[in-house]
Amino acid sequence: MVLPSSDGRAPVLPGAIRQFAVLDALMGGVYSSGIPVSELDSWGDTGIGCCEGLGGEVILIDGEAFECTVDAEPRRMRRDEMLPFVDVCPMGDVPGEPVADLGLDGLTAAVGQRLASRNLFHAVRIDGVLTRVRTRVTAKQHGPGRPLAEVAAEQIETETRSRSGTLIGFWMPRIYQGISVAGLHLHFLSDDRRVGGHVLDLDIGAAVLRVCGYSQFSLRLPLDEHFLSTELTHGEDHRIVAVEGGAERSSQND
C-alpha cells in the first residue's frame, strides 16, 4: 500500500531500497567482491553504485545499468559485470514537479522539504537541463584495496554545461552514515550518454524532480574472505563527507 503524500511530502512506496555491502568497507579498502548486474532485475529499476575495483561510477536508469569510467564515454554494462557496492529500488513512474534555477544546496533543500520523514529512506530522480554539472569518476584499482579516500584523491573531474540528462540518487537518514551515505548522494548521466559520474556540484536550469520514500531497507553483505576477516569500524564521518558529500550539506538545510 502506498502512503499518500500530504503538504508536498513524498509518497511512501511499497518495496525496499536494497543495498549490497556497506560504505565503511569501501572506506577501509574492502571491496574485492560484488554482485552481478543481472541480480538487479529483481531489486528495482533505479539505483547508483560503483564499478569493480572502484573503477568508475554506476547509474541504473529505467532498469539499465551504465558504467562511467575515466577512459571512455559511459556505456551500458554487461549483465555479468560485478558491483562491489550498489543501492537499488523500484521507483517506477512517480509523479514529479518542476524545479528551476537551483544549485546543489538549493536542490538539497528542495529534496529536504519533500521528505516524508527524515527517519525514512528516499529515492530521488531529476530529469531536465543542467546549465552546469561537475562529475567525478575514479580509476580502477588493482591488487590490495586502497581506501576510498585515497582513490578519490586521484579522481578525474569533468565539468559540462547546457546538458540535458538524468540525476539519480538517494537521501539516507543520518544514523546510517557509514552503512550508506547519509544525506543526498547523486549520480548523473547525460541523455546523449557522453557524460556521467558522481555529482560534485551542479546548477539546474529547468527539470522535473521526483522524490519517494521507503520504510524498508534491505542490506546484503559480501561473503568473500577479505570482508569476513576484516573487522569494520566507523570513524570516518569527515572523510565520507569529503569524498561523497551528504551529511554535512544535509545538516546545513535542517
Protein backbone atom coordinates (compact mmCIF):
# COMPACT_ATOMS: atom_id res chain seq x y z
CA MET A 1 0.00 0.00 0.00
CA VAL A 2 1.25 3.48 -0.89
CA LEU A 3 1.04 6.10 1.84
CA PRO A 4 -0.29 9.19 0.03
CA SER A 5 1.65 12.42 0.20
CA SER A 6 0.39 15.46 2.07
CA ASP A 7 1.63 19.04 2.28
CA GLY A 8 4.01 18.40 -0.62
CA ARG A 9 5.75 15.46 1.05
CA ALA A 10 6.95 12.44 -0.90
CA PRO A 11 4.75 9.36 -1.14
CA VAL A 12 5.96 6.25 0.68
CA LEU A 13 6.15 3.33 -1.74
CA PRO A 14 5.95 -0.40 -1.09
CA GLY A 15 9.12 -2.41 -1.56
CA ALA A 16 12.54 -1.53 -0.27
CA ILE A 17 15.80 0.15 -1.05
CA ARG A 18 18.21 -2.77 -1.34
CA GLN A 19 21.94 -2.38 -0.85
CA PHE A 20 24.96 -4.57 -1.37
CA ALA A 21 27.92 -4.02 1.01
CA VAL A 22 28.50 -1.01 3.27
CA LEU A 23 30.26 2.26 2.65
CA ASP A 24 32.66 1.77 5.56
CA ALA A 25 34.00 -1.31 3.77
CA LEU A 26 34.91 0.83 0.75
CA MET A 27 36.42 3.44 3.06
CA GLY A 28 38.61 0.67 4.53
CA GLY A 29 39.68 -0.74 1.15
CA VAL A 30 37.45 -3.82 1.40
CA TYR A 31 35.77 -4.24 -1.99
CA SER A 32 37.14 -7.42 -3.57
CA SER A 33 33.76 -8.99 -4.36
CA GLY A 34 30.36 -7.87 -5.60
CA ILE A 35 27.07 -8.86 -7.16
CA PRO A 36 26.39 -9.19 -10.90
CA VAL A 37 24.34 -6.61 -12.75
CA SER A 38 21.84 -9.37 -13.60
CA GLU A 39 20.72 -9.59 -9.97
CA LEU A 40 19.49 -6.01 -10.03
CA ASP A 41 16.49 -7.08 -12.13
CA SER A 42 14.71 -8.31 -9.01
CA TRP A 43 15.84 -5.35 -6.89
CA GLY A 44 14.36 -2.47 -8.86
CA ASP A 45 14.73 -0.09 -11.78
CA THR A 46 16.57 2.84 -10.19
CA GLY A 47 19.93 2.99 -8.45
CA ILE A 48 23.56 4.02 -8.10
CA GLY A 49 26.76 2.20 -7.23
CA CYS A 50 30.41 1.77 -8.14
CA CYS A 51 32.32 -0.38 -10.60
CA GLU A 52 34.57 -3.34 -9.80
CA GLY A 53 37.81 -2.18 -8.19
CA LEU A 54 36.25 1.27 -7.73
CA GLY A 55 36.88 1.74 -11.45
CA GLY A 56 34.14 4.30 -12.01
CA GLU A 57 30.56 5.12 -11.09
CA VAL A 58 27.35 3.25 -11.90
CA ILE A 59 23.87 4.63 -12.53
CA LEU A 60 20.76 2.49 -13.03
CA ILE A 61 18.08 4.24 -15.10
CA ASP A 62 14.80 2.53 -16.02
CA GLY A 63 16.37 -0.85 -15.30
CA GLU A 64 19.51 -0.29 -17.40
CA ALA A 65 22.91 -0.04 -15.70
CA PHE A 66 25.53 2.33 -17.13
CA GLU A 67 29.23 2.47 -16.27
CA CYS A 68 31.01 5.84 -16.14
CA THR A 69 34.80 5.45 -16.22
CA VAL A 70 37.94 7.56 -16.62
CA ASP A 71 38.98 6.35 -20.07
CA ALA A 72 35.76 6.10 -22.09
CA GLU A 73 32.28 7.51 -22.50
CA PRO A 74 29.53 5.92 -20.39
CA ARG A 75 28.37 2.54 -21.65
CA ARG A 76 25.65 0.03 -20.88
CA MET A 77 27.06 -2.67 -18.59
CA ARG A 78 27.09 -6.37 -19.31
CA ARG A 79 24.91 -8.48 -17.06
CA ASP A 80 27.88 -10.49 -15.75
CA GLU A 81 29.83 -7.42 -14.56
CA MET A 82 30.25 -7.07 -10.81
CA LEU A 83 29.29 -4.23 -8.48
CA PRO A 84 31.11 -4.01 -5.11
CA PHE A 85 28.56 -1.50 -3.77
CA VAL A 86 25.11 -0.56 -5.03
CA ASP A 87 21.75 0.86 -3.88
CA VAL A 88 18.65 -0.05 -5.91
CA CYS A 89 14.91 0.43 -5.52
CA PRO A 90 11.66 0.03 -7.51
CA MET A 91 10.86 3.69 -8.18
CA GLY A 92 8.70 3.31 -11.26
CA ASP A 93 6.75 6.29 -12.59
CA VAL A 94 6.49 8.51 -9.51
CA PRO A 95 4.77 11.85 -10.20
CA GLY A 96 7.15 14.79 -10.36
CA GLU A 97 7.07 18.55 -10.13
CA PRO A 98 9.01 21.25 -11.97
CA VAL A 99 12.07 22.90 -10.42
CA ALA A 100 14.32 25.57 -11.89
CA ASP A 101 17.38 27.69 -11.18
CA LEU A 102 18.77 25.55 -8.37
CA GLY A 103 22.37 24.90 -7.34
CA LEU A 104 23.32 21.83 -5.35
CA ASP A 105 22.49 23.43 -2.00
CA GLY A 106 19.15 24.61 -3.36
CA LEU A 107 18.38 21.15 -4.73
CA THR A 108 19.33 19.56 -1.41
CA ALA A 109 16.97 21.95 0.38
CA ALA A 110 14.18 21.22 -2.12
CA VAL A 111 14.59 17.48 -1.57
CA GLY A 112 14.66 18.02 2.20
CA GLN A 113 11.36 19.90 2.08
CA ARG A 114 9.73 16.98 0.29
CA LEU A 115 10.91 14.13 2.53
CA ALA A 116 8.12 12.03 4.00
CA SER A 117 10.24 11.83 7.17
CA ARG A 118 13.90 12.35 7.99
CA ASN A 119 13.81 8.86 9.51
CA LEU A 120 12.84 7.15 6.22
CA PHE A 121 14.87 6.31 3.13
CA HIS A 122 14.22 8.18 -0.11
CA ALA A 123 14.97 7.79 -3.81
CA VAL A 124 15.47 10.91 -5.91
CA ARG A 125 15.30 11.41 -9.67
CA ILE A 126 15.69 14.66 -11.62
CA ASP A 127 15.21 14.86 -15.39
CA GLY A 128 15.96 18.05 -17.29
CA VAL A 129 18.58 20.55 -18.38
CA LEU A 130 21.62 21.27 -16.26
CA THR A 131 23.30 24.55 -17.03
CA ARG A 132 26.40 23.15 -15.33
CA VAL A 133 27.34 19.84 -13.76
CA ARG A 134 30.66 18.73 -12.30
CA THR A 135 31.15 14.97 -12.02
CA ARG A 136 33.90 12.65 -10.91
CA VAL A 137 34.99 9.11 -11.70
CA THR A 138 37.80 7.08 -10.17
CA ALA A 139 40.40 4.82 -11.73
CA LYS A 140 40.17 1.06 -11.30
CA GLN A 141 42.31 -0.36 -8.52
CA HIS A 142 44.42 -3.49 -8.95
CA GLY A 143 45.85 -5.66 -6.21
CA PRO A 144 45.23 -4.92 -2.50
CA GLY A 145 42.39 -2.47 -1.96
CA ARG A 146 43.25 1.14 -1.29
CA PRO A 147 40.86 3.12 0.94
CA LEU A 148 38.23 5.06 -0.95
CA ALA A 149 39.53 8.40 0.31
CA GLU A 150 42.94 7.68 -1.26
CA VAL A 151 41.37 6.61 -4.54
CA ALA A 152 39.09 9.66 -4.63
CA ALA A 153 42.07 11.95 -4.08
CA GLU A 154 43.14 10.98 -7.62
CA GLN A 155 39.67 11.26 -9.15
CA ILE A 156 39.07 12.62 -12.64
CA GLU A 157 36.66 15.54 -12.68
CA THR A 158 34.63 16.75 -15.65
CA GLU A 159 32.56 19.91 -15.91
CA THR A 160 30.00 20.21 -18.66
CA ARG A 161 27.44 22.89 -19.47
CA SER A 162 23.98 23.07 -21.02
CA ARG A 163 23.49 19.32 -20.97
CA SER A 164 20.17 17.50 -20.65
CA GLY A 165 20.18 14.33 -18.61
CA THR A 166 19.11 12.46 -15.50
CA LEU A 167 20.22 12.63 -11.90
CA ILE A 168 19.59 9.52 -9.80
CA GLY A 169 20.33 9.22 -6.12
CA PHE A 170 19.25 8.61 -2.58
CA TRP A 171 18.64 10.55 0.59
CA MET A 172 19.55 8.39 3.60
CA PRO A 173 18.91 9.14 7.30
CA ARG A 174 21.87 10.48 9.22
CA ILE A 175 22.01 7.49 11.58
CA TYR A 176 23.01 5.29 8.62
CA GLN A 177 26.20 7.18 7.84
CA GLY A 178 28.89 4.56 7.20
CA ILE A 179 26.33 1.94 6.21
CA SER A 180 25.47 4.19 3.29
CA VAL A 181 25.98 7.89 2.50
CA ALA A 182 23.84 9.98 4.85
CA GLY A 183 22.02 12.86 3.22
CA LEU A 184 21.79 13.36 -0.54
CA HIS A 185 24.05 11.36 -2.89
CA LEU A 186 23.59 11.76 -6.67
CA HIS A 187 24.96 10.36 -9.92
CA PHE A 188 24.40 11.90 -13.37
CA LEU A 189 24.06 10.55 -16.90
CA SER A 190 23.50 12.81 -19.92
CA ASP A 191 20.77 11.97 -22.39
CA ASP A 192 23.36 11.57 -25.15
CA ARG A 193 25.25 9.08 -22.90
CA ARG A 194 28.51 11.00 -23.29
CA VAL A 195 28.95 12.35 -19.73
CA GLY A 196 28.30 10.78 -16.35
CA GLY A 197 29.56 10.14 -12.85
CA HIS A 198 29.25 11.06 -9.19
CA VAL A 199 27.91 14.60 -8.79
CA LEU A 200 30.21 17.09 -7.08
CA ASP A 201 28.33 20.26 -7.98
CA LEU A 202 25.57 21.40 -10.32
CA ASP A 203 23.25 24.13 -11.49
CA ILE A 204 19.81 23.11 -12.71
CA GLY A 205 18.15 25.16 -15.44
CA ALA A 206 14.74 23.52 -15.68
CA ALA A 207 13.87 19.99 -14.63
CA VAL A 208 11.32 17.66 -13.07
CA LEU A 209 12.03 16.46 -9.52
CA ARG A 210 10.71 13.15 -8.22
CA VAL A 211 11.13 12.02 -4.60
CA CYS A 212 9.65 8.93 -2.96
CA GLY A 213 10.10 7.35 0.45
CA TYR A 214 10.61 3.81 1.68
CA SER A 215 10.17 2.37 5.15
CA GLN A 216 12.18 -0.75 4.27
CA PHE A 217 15.94 -1.03 3.80
CA SER A 218 17.47 -4.41 2.92
CA LEU A 219 21.21 -4.94 3.36
CA ARG A 220 23.17 -7.82 1.83
CA LEU A 221 26.78 -8.25 2.93
CA PRO A 222 29.69 -9.79 0.99
CA LEU A 223 30.92 -13.27 1.88
CA ASP A 224 34.45 -13.13 0.47
CA GLU A 225 37.41 -13.80 2.77
CA HIS A 226 38.65 -10.20 2.76
CA PHE A 227 35.32 -8.91 4.07
CA LEU A 228 34.83 -11.74 6.56
CA SER A 229 38.31 -11.35 8.05
CA THR A 230 38.28 -7.52 8.29
CA GLU A 231 36.52 -6.08 11.31
CA LEU A 232 34.98 -2.81 10.20
CA THR A 233 34.62 0.19 12.48
CA HIS A 234 33.02 3.57 11.91
CA GLY A 235 35.13 6.64 12.49
CA GLU A 236 35.10 8.12 9.02
CA ASP A 237 32.39 10.80 9.08
CA HIS A 238 34.67 13.63 7.96
CA ARG A 239 36.22 11.51 5.21
CA ILE A 240 32.81 10.34 3.95
CA VAL A 241 31.60 13.93 3.74
CA ALA A 242 34.79 14.94 1.92
CA VAL A 243 34.58 12.04 -0.56
CA GLU A 244 30.84 11.61 -1.09
CA GLY A 245 29.08 14.68 0.34
CA GLY A 246 25.86 14.02 2.21
CA ALA A 247 25.50 14.55 5.93
CA GLU A 248 27.27 17.90 6.23
CA ARG A 249 25.29 19.50 3.40
CA SER A 250 22.11 17.94 4.74
CA SER A 251 22.71 19.40 8.21
CA GLN A 252 23.02 22.86 6.71
CA ASN A 253 19.43 22.62 5.49
CA ASP A 254 17.69 21.24 8.57
